[in-house]
């Protein structure tokens, strides 16, 4: 899946406005300023498919991108940007929850975690919510080029320990760097495997 043809579909302010579709969707979400847009652009091999902003909290809509005509990437608003007004934070939370719990063709949510830091409460709480709502997800540790291998492994293990009590089986983990193009083959292979399982009815 190295050659990807990605096209923008539409943006939606809520679940009701999301496009009708039966193709599998892979959503990406994370705390604001975690490097989500850069990662998406790296994954699909486009320089500006998802807009990279210097201002955290730029993504304010649910953005849909079609990949090879057979599946879609969904760029969700980031969570946890403290300078966002309370009413806007509440709206984002309702938008995100509505999509994650109401989208029947959602195949997996990739939750981005900043690998430079020890587990943050807001990330742990969001993963706990996903588990409680039975939303399928994987963890993507971003910006790994900014930390040593030892620190990366420690932070991943700390995060896994922080969620272990909530889940019977730990989720898949991917270590990535948009700048160094680390993690792209592994995530695309996981998407391919998921698509194959869905096609076979597993």
C-alpha atoms as a PDB file:
ATOM      1  CA  UNK A   1       0.000   0.000   0.000  1.00  0.00           C
ATOM      2  CA  UNK A   2       2.887   2.369  -0.681  1.00  0.00           C
ATOM      3  CA  UNK A   3       1.168   4.165  -3.575  1.00  0.00           C
ATOM      4  CA  UNK A   4      -1.884   6.019  -2.253  1.00  0.00           C
ATOM      5  CA  UNK A   5      -4.308   8.221  -4.161  1.00  0.00           C
ATOM      6  CA  UNK A   6      -5.781  10.590  -1.568  1.00  0.00           C
ATOM      7  CA  UNK A   7      -8.527  13.125  -2.212  1.00  0.00           C
ATOM      8  CA  UNK A   8     -10.430  15.426   0.100  1.00  0.00           C
ATOM      9  CA  UNK A   9     -14.109  14.500   0.408  1.00  0.00           C
ATOM     10  CA  UNK A  10     -15.832  16.899   2.771  1.00  0.00           C
ATOM     11  CA  UNK A  11     -15.893  18.473   6.222  1.00  0.00           C
ATOM     12  CA  UNK A  12     -18.715  17.972   8.703  1.00  0.00           C
ATOM     13  CA  UNK A  13     -19.619  19.869  11.899  1.00  0.00           C
ATOM     14  CA  UNK A  14     -21.347  16.853  13.485  1.00  0.00           C
ATOM     15  CA  UNK A  15     -22.345  13.221  12.939  1.00  0.00           C
ATOM     16  CA  UNK A  16     -25.568  14.188  11.166  1.00  0.00           C
ATOM     17  CA  UNK A  17     -23.610  16.033   8.484  1.00  0.00           C
ATOM     18  CA  UNK A  18     -21.115  13.215   7.858  1.00  0.00           C
ATOM     19  CA  UNK A  19     -21.272  11.801   4.318  1.00  0.00           C
ATOM     20  CA  UNK A  20     -23.164   8.608   3.605  1.00  0.00           C
ATOM     21  CA  UNK A  21     -20.557   5.899   3.131  1.00  0.00           C
ATOM     22  CA  UNK A  22     -20.058   2.174   3.571  1.00  0.00           C
ATOM     23  CA  UNK A  23     -16.273   2.081   3.074  1.00  0.00           C
ATOM     24  CA  UNK A  24     -14.117   1.462   6.166  1.00  0.00           C
ATOM     25  CA  UNK A  25     -12.949   4.614   7.930  1.00  0.00           C
ATOM     26  CA  UNK A  26      -9.753   5.064   9.938  1.00  0.00           C
ATOM     27  CA  UNK A  27      -9.916   8.065  12.233  1.00  0.00           C
ATOM     28  CA  UNK A  28      -6.992   9.987  13.725  1.00  0.00           C
ATOM     29  CA  UNK A  29      -7.241  11.965  16.929  1.00  0.00           C
ATOM     30  CA  UNK A  30      -5.000  13.284  19.681  1.00  0.00           C
ATOM     31  CA  UNK A  31      -4.302  16.092  22.048  1.00  0.00           C
ATOM     32  CA  UNK A  32      -3.815  19.406  20.254  1.00  0.00           C
ATOM     33  CA  UNK A  33      -0.289  20.006  18.938  1.00  0.00           C
ATOM     34  CA  UNK A  34       0.566  16.299  18.943  1.00  0.00           C
ATOM     35  CA  UNK A  35       1.564  16.370  15.264  1.00  0.00           C
ATOM     36  CA  UNK A  36      -1.569  14.810  13.783  1.00  0.00           C
ATOM     37  CA  UNK A  37      -1.657  16.763  10.521  1.00  0.00           C
ATOM     38  CA  UNK A  38       2.035  16.129   9.834  1.00  0.00           C
ATOM     39  CA  UNK A  39       1.536  12.419  10.470  1.00  0.00           C
ATOM     40  CA  UNK A  40      -1.468  12.232   8.140  1.00  0.00           C
ATOM     41  CA  UNK A  41       0.454  13.959   5.365  1.00  0.00           C
ATOM     42  CA  UNK A  42       3.370  11.570   5.868  1.00  0.00           C
ATOM     43  CA  UNK A  43       1.121   8.517   5.811  1.00  0.00           C
ATOM     44  CA  UNK A  44      -0.635   9.376   2.547  1.00  0.00           C
ATOM     45  CA  UNK A  45       2.455  10.851   0.900  1.00  0.00           C
ATOM     46  CA  UNK A  46       0.998  14.331   0.456  1.00  0.00           C
ATOM     47  CA  UNK A  47       2.550  17.613   1.545  1.00  0.00           C
ATOM     48  CA  UNK A  48      -0.677  19.409   2.375  1.00  0.00           C
ATOM     49  CA  UNK A  49      -3.564  16.953   2.485  1.00  0.00           C
ATOM     50  CA  UNK A  50      -4.159  17.875   6.123  1.00  0.00           C
ATOM     51  CA  UNK A  51      -3.283  21.472   6.968  1.00  0.00           C
ATOM     52  CA  UNK A  52      -0.422  21.869   9.416  1.00  0.00           C
ATOM     53  CA  UNK A  53      -0.958  24.883  11.664  1.00  0.00           C
ATOM     54  CA  UNK A  54       1.330  26.596  14.164  1.00  0.00           C
ATOM     55  CA  UNK A  55      -1.762  27.297  16.240  1.00  0.00           C
ATOM     56  CA  UNK A  56      -2.989  24.327  18.307  1.00  0.00           C
ATOM     57  CA  UNK A  57      -6.658  23.469  17.892  1.00  0.00           C
ATOM     58  CA  UNK A  58      -6.775  24.345  14.176  1.00  0.00           C
ATOM     59  CA  UNK A  59      -8.892  21.343  13.158  1.00  0.00           C
ATOM     60  CA  UNK A  60     -12.469  22.238  14.119  1.00  0.00           C
ATOM     61  CA  UNK A  61     -14.452  19.961  11.814  1.00  0.00           C
ATOM     62  CA  UNK A  62     -14.561  16.260  10.979  1.00  0.00           C
ATOM     63  CA  UNK A  63     -12.532  16.054   7.769  1.00  0.00           C
ATOM     64  CA  UNK A  64     -12.909  13.113   5.378  1.00  0.00           C
ATOM     65  CA  UNK A  65     -10.314  11.966   2.833  1.00  0.00           C
ATOM     66  CA  UNK A  66     -10.808   9.124   0.346  1.00  0.00           C
ATOM     67  CA  UNK A  67      -7.879   6.726  -0.093  1.00  0.00           C
ATOM     68  CA  UNK A  68      -7.646   4.599  -3.249  1.00  0.00           C
ATOM     69  CA  UNK A  69     -11.432   4.693  -3.460  1.00  0.00           C
ATOM     70  CA  UNK A  70     -11.714   1.808  -1.006  1.00  0.00           C
ATOM     71  CA  UNK A  71     -11.279   3.348   2.435  1.00  0.00           C
ATOM     72  CA  UNK A  72     -11.197   6.724   4.123  1.00  0.00           C
ATOM     73  CA  UNK A  73      -9.085   8.687   6.570  1.00  0.00           C
ATOM     74  CA  UNK A  74     -10.975  10.862   9.031  1.00  0.00           C
ATOM     75  CA  UNK A  75      -9.182  13.778  10.678  1.00  0.00           C
ATOM     76  CA  UNK A  76     -10.884  14.544  14.001  1.00  0.00           C
ATOM     77  CA  UNK A  77     -10.493  17.730  16.082  1.00  0.00           C
ATOM     78  CA  UNK A  78      -7.810  17.618  18.729  1.00  0.00           C
ATOM     79  CA  UNK A  79      -8.757  17.546  22.373  1.00  0.00           C
ATOM     80  CA  UNK A  80      -7.350  19.267  25.427  1.00  0.00           C
ATOM     81  CA  UNK A  81      -6.332  22.692  24.108  1.00  0.00           C
ATOM     82  CA  UNK A  82      -6.666  24.809  27.258  1.00  0.00           C
ATOM     83  CA  UNK A  83      -7.072  28.147  25.459  1.00  0.00           C
ATOM     84  CA  UNK A  84     -10.167  26.989  23.609  1.00  0.00           C
ATOM     85  CA  UNK A  85     -13.354  28.463  25.075  1.00  0.00           C
ATOM     86  CA  UNK A  86     -15.372  26.092  27.285  1.00  0.00           C
ATOM     87  CA  UNK A  87     -18.339  26.171  24.913  1.00  0.00           C
ATOM     88  CA  UNK A  88     -16.072  25.225  22.012  1.00  0.00           C
ATOM     89  CA  UNK A  89     -14.495  22.384  24.010  1.00  0.00           C
ATOM     90  CA  UNK A  90     -17.945  21.049  24.826  1.00  0.00           C
ATOM     91  CA  UNK A  91     -18.941  21.244  21.157  1.00  0.00           C
ATOM     92  CA  UNK A  92     -15.794  19.397  20.091  1.00  0.00           C
ATOM     93  CA  UNK A  93     -16.429  16.688  22.692  1.00  0.00           C
ATOM     94  CA  UNK A  94     -19.992  16.202  21.479  1.00  0.00           C
ATOM     95  CA  UNK A  95     -18.812  16.145  17.861  1.00  0.00           C
ATOM     96  CA  UNK A  96     -16.080  13.603  18.585  1.00  0.00           C
ATOM     97  CA  UNK A  97     -18.293  11.374  20.738  1.00  0.00           C
ATOM     98  CA  UNK A  98     -21.077  11.494  18.161  1.00  0.00           C
ATOM     99  CA  UNK A  99     -18.743  10.343  15.404  1.00  0.00           C
ATOM    100  CA  UNK A 100     -16.867   7.677  17.382  1.00  0.00           C
ATOM    101  CA  UNK A 101     -20.009   6.110  18.842  1.00  0.00           C
ATOM    102  CA  UNK A 102     -22.335   6.602  15.882  1.00  0.00           C
ATOM    103  CA  UNK A 103     -20.279   5.819  12.791  1.00  0.00           C
ATOM    104  CA  UNK A 104     -21.020   2.210  11.842  1.00  0.00           C
ATOM    105  CA  UNK A 105     -18.229   1.934   9.263  1.00  0.00           C
ATOM    106  CA  UNK A 106     -15.512   3.133  11.652  1.00  0.00           C
ATOM    107  CA  UNK A 107     -12.769   0.490  11.473  1.00  0.00           C
ATOM    108  CA  UNK A 108     -10.226   1.902  13.916  1.00  0.00           C
ATOM    109  CA  UNK A 109      -9.256   5.062  15.751  1.00  0.00           C
ATOM    110  CA  UNK A 110      -5.567   5.925  15.873  1.00  0.00           C
ATOM    111  CA  UNK A 111      -4.956   7.833  19.114  1.00  0.00           C
ATOM    112  CA  UNK A 112      -1.842   9.986  18.884  1.00  0.00           C
ATOM    113  CA  UNK A 113       0.295  10.332  22.003  1.00  0.00           C
ATOM    114  CA  UNK A 114       3.272  12.701  22.277  1.00  0.00           C
ATOM    115  CA  UNK A 115       6.190  10.349  22.921  1.00  0.00           C
ATOM    116  CA  UNK A 116       8.237  13.088  24.590  1.00  0.00           C
ATOM    117  CA  UNK A 117       6.109  13.067  27.735  1.00  0.00           C
ATOM    118  CA  UNK A 118       5.089  10.634  30.425  1.00  0.00           C
ATOM    119  CA  UNK A 119       1.382   9.663  30.331  1.00  0.00           C
ATOM    120  CA  UNK A 120      -0.910  12.678  30.461  1.00  0.00           C
ATOM    121  CA  UNK A 121      -4.180  12.399  32.363  1.00  0.00           C
ATOM    122  CA  UNK A 122      -6.250  13.671  29.446  1.00  0.00           C
ATOM    123  CA  UNK A 123      -4.853  10.964  27.122  1.00  0.00           C
ATOM    124  CA  UNK A 124      -5.433   8.208  29.677  1.00  0.00           C
ATOM    125  CA  UNK A 125      -8.997   9.416  30.289  1.00  0.00           C
ATOM    126  CA  UNK A 126      -9.730   9.478  26.559  1.00  0.00           C
ATOM    127  CA  UNK A 127      -8.444   5.910  26.112  1.00  0.00           C
ATOM    128  CA  UNK A 128     -10.514   4.820  29.115  1.00  0.00           C
ATOM    129  CA  UNK A 129     -13.580   6.320  27.438  1.00  0.00           C
ATOM    130  CA  UNK A 130     -12.827   4.467  24.184  1.00  0.00           C
ATOM    131  CA  UNK A 131     -12.569   1.198  26.078  1.00  0.00           C
ATOM    132  CA  UNK A 132     -15.800   1.860  27.949  1.00  0.00           C
ATOM    133  CA  UNK A 133     -17.608   2.612  24.685  1.00  0.00           C
ATOM    134  CA  UNK A 134     -16.011  -0.408  22.922  1.00  0.00           C
ATOM    135  CA  UNK A 135     -14.499   1.760  20.176  1.00  0.00           C
ATOM    136  CA  UNK A 136     -11.651  -0.060  18.365  1.00  0.00           C
ATOM    137  CA  UNK A 137      -8.383   1.858  18.599  1.00  0.00           C
ATOM    138  CA  UNK A 138      -4.593   1.728  18.348  1.00  0.00           C
ATOM    139  CA  UNK A 139      -1.972   3.952  19.971  1.00  0.00           C
ATOM    140  CA  UNK A 140       0.392   6.047  17.860  1.00  0.00           C
ATOM    141  CA  UNK A 141       3.328   7.597  19.680  1.00  0.00           C
ATOM    142  CA  UNK A 142       4.392  10.636  17.661  1.00  0.00           C
ATOM    143  CA  UNK A 143       7.580  12.733  17.430  1.00  0.00           C
ATOM    144  CA  UNK A 144       9.839   9.816  18.303  1.00  0.00           C
ATOM    145  CA  UNK A 145      12.772  11.562  16.629  1.00  0.00           C
ATOM    146  CA  UNK A 146      12.688  14.027  19.546  1.00  0.00           C
ATOM    147  CA  UNK A 147      13.421  11.423  22.262  1.00  0.00           C
ATOM    148  CA  UNK A 148      15.990   8.739  22.950  1.00  0.00           C
ATOM    149  CA  UNK A 149      15.065   5.112  22.363  1.00  0.00           C
ATOM    150  CA  UNK A 150      15.202   4.481  26.103  1.00  0.00           C
ATOM    151  CA  UNK A 151      12.885   7.364  26.956  1.00  0.00           C
ATOM    152  CA  UNK A 152      10.470   6.317  24.200  1.00  0.00           C
ATOM    153  CA  UNK A 153      10.275   2.751  25.504  1.00  0.00           C
ATOM    154  CA  UNK A 154       9.806   3.963  29.080  1.00  0.00           C
ATOM    155  CA  UNK A 155       6.960   6.314  28.140  1.00  0.00           C
ATOM    156  CA  UNK A 156       5.221   3.614  26.091  1.00  0.00           C
ATOM    157  CA  UNK A 157       5.497   1.151  28.970  1.00  0.00           C
ATOM    158  CA  UNK A 158       4.202   3.746  31.457  1.00  0.00           C
ATOM    159  CA  UNK A 159       1.204   4.420  29.229  1.00  0.00           C
ATOM    160  CA  UNK A 160       0.469   0.719  28.820  1.00  0.00           C
ATOM    161  CA  UNK A 161       0.694   0.264  32.583  1.00  0.00           C
ATOM    162  CA  UNK A 162      -1.709   3.176  33.022  1.00  0.00           C
ATOM    163  CA  UNK A 163      -4.430   1.515  30.931  1.00  0.00           C
ATOM    164  CA  UNK A 164      -3.720  -2.162  31.662  1.00  0.00           C
ATOM    165  CA  UNK A 165      -6.372  -2.406  34.372  1.00  0.00           C
ATOM    166  CA  UNK A 166      -9.064  -1.246  31.940  1.00  0.00           C
ATOM    167  CA  UNK A 167      -8.472  -3.692  29.100  1.00  0.00           C
ATOM    168  CA  UNK A 168      -8.094  -7.426  28.740  1.00  0.00           C
ATOM    169  CA  UNK A 169      -5.636  -7.040  25.867  1.00  0.00           C
ATOM    170  CA  UNK A 170      -3.377  -4.054  25.280  1.00  0.00           C
ATOM    171  CA  UNK A 171      -3.964  -2.175  22.013  1.00  0.00           C
ATOM    172  CA  UNK A 172      -1.526  -2.137  19.115  1.00  0.00           C
ATOM    173  CA  UNK A 173       1.250   0.422  19.475  1.00  0.00           C
ATOM    174  CA  UNK A 174       3.032   2.299  16.698  1.00  0.00           C
ATOM    175  CA  UNK A 175       6.090   4.528  17.097  1.00  0.00           C
ATOM    176  CA  UNK A 176       6.170   7.300  14.500  1.00  0.00           C
ATOM    177  CA  UNK A 177       7.967  10.391  13.304  1.00  0.00           C
ATOM    178  CA  UNK A 178       6.515  12.475  10.507  1.00  0.00           C
ATOM    179  CA  UNK A 179       9.841  14.222  10.018  1.00  0.00           C
ATOM    180  CA  UNK A 180      11.827  10.984   9.694  1.00  0.00           C
ATOM    181  CA  UNK A 181       8.969   9.023   8.061  1.00  0.00           C
ATOM    182  CA  UNK A 182       9.108   6.435  10.827  1.00  0.00           C
ATOM    183  CA  UNK A 183       6.126   4.132  11.320  1.00  0.00           C
ATOM    184  CA  UNK A 184       4.479   4.573   7.925  1.00  0.00           C
ATOM    185  CA  UNK A 185       4.936   0.961   6.688  1.00  0.00           C
ATOM    186  CA  UNK A 186       3.711  -0.466   9.979  1.00  0.00           C
ATOM    187  CA  UNK A 187       0.531   1.630  10.123  1.00  0.00           C
ATOM    188  CA  UNK A 188      -0.310   1.029   6.463  1.00  0.00           C
ATOM    189  CA  UNK A 189       0.263  -2.703   6.937  1.00  0.00           C
ATOM    190  CA  UNK A 190      -2.096  -2.657   9.922  1.00  0.00           C
ATOM    191  CA  UNK A 191      -4.719  -0.852   7.834  1.00  0.00           C
ATOM    192  CA  UNK A 192      -4.308  -3.443   5.057  1.00  0.00           C
ATOM    193  CA  UNK A 193      -4.715  -6.283   7.541  1.00  0.00           C
ATOM    194  CA  UNK A 194      -7.822  -4.657   8.989  1.00  0.00           C
ATOM    195  CA  UNK A 195      -9.332  -4.181   5.530  1.00  0.00           C
ATOM    196  CA  UNK A 196      -8.653  -7.835   4.683  1.00  0.00           C
ATOM    197  CA  UNK A 197     -10.300  -9.018   7.900  1.00  0.00           C
ATOM    198  CA  UNK A 198     -13.335  -6.843   7.274  1.00  0.00           C
ATOM    199  CA  UNK A 199     -13.612  -8.071   3.684  1.00  0.00           C
ATOM    200  CA  UNK A 200     -13.525 -11.694   4.855  1.00  0.00           C
ATOM    201  CA  UNK A 201     -16.194 -11.000   7.440  1.00  0.00           C
ATOM    202  CA  UNK A 202     -14.000 -11.561  10.490  1.00  0.00           C
END
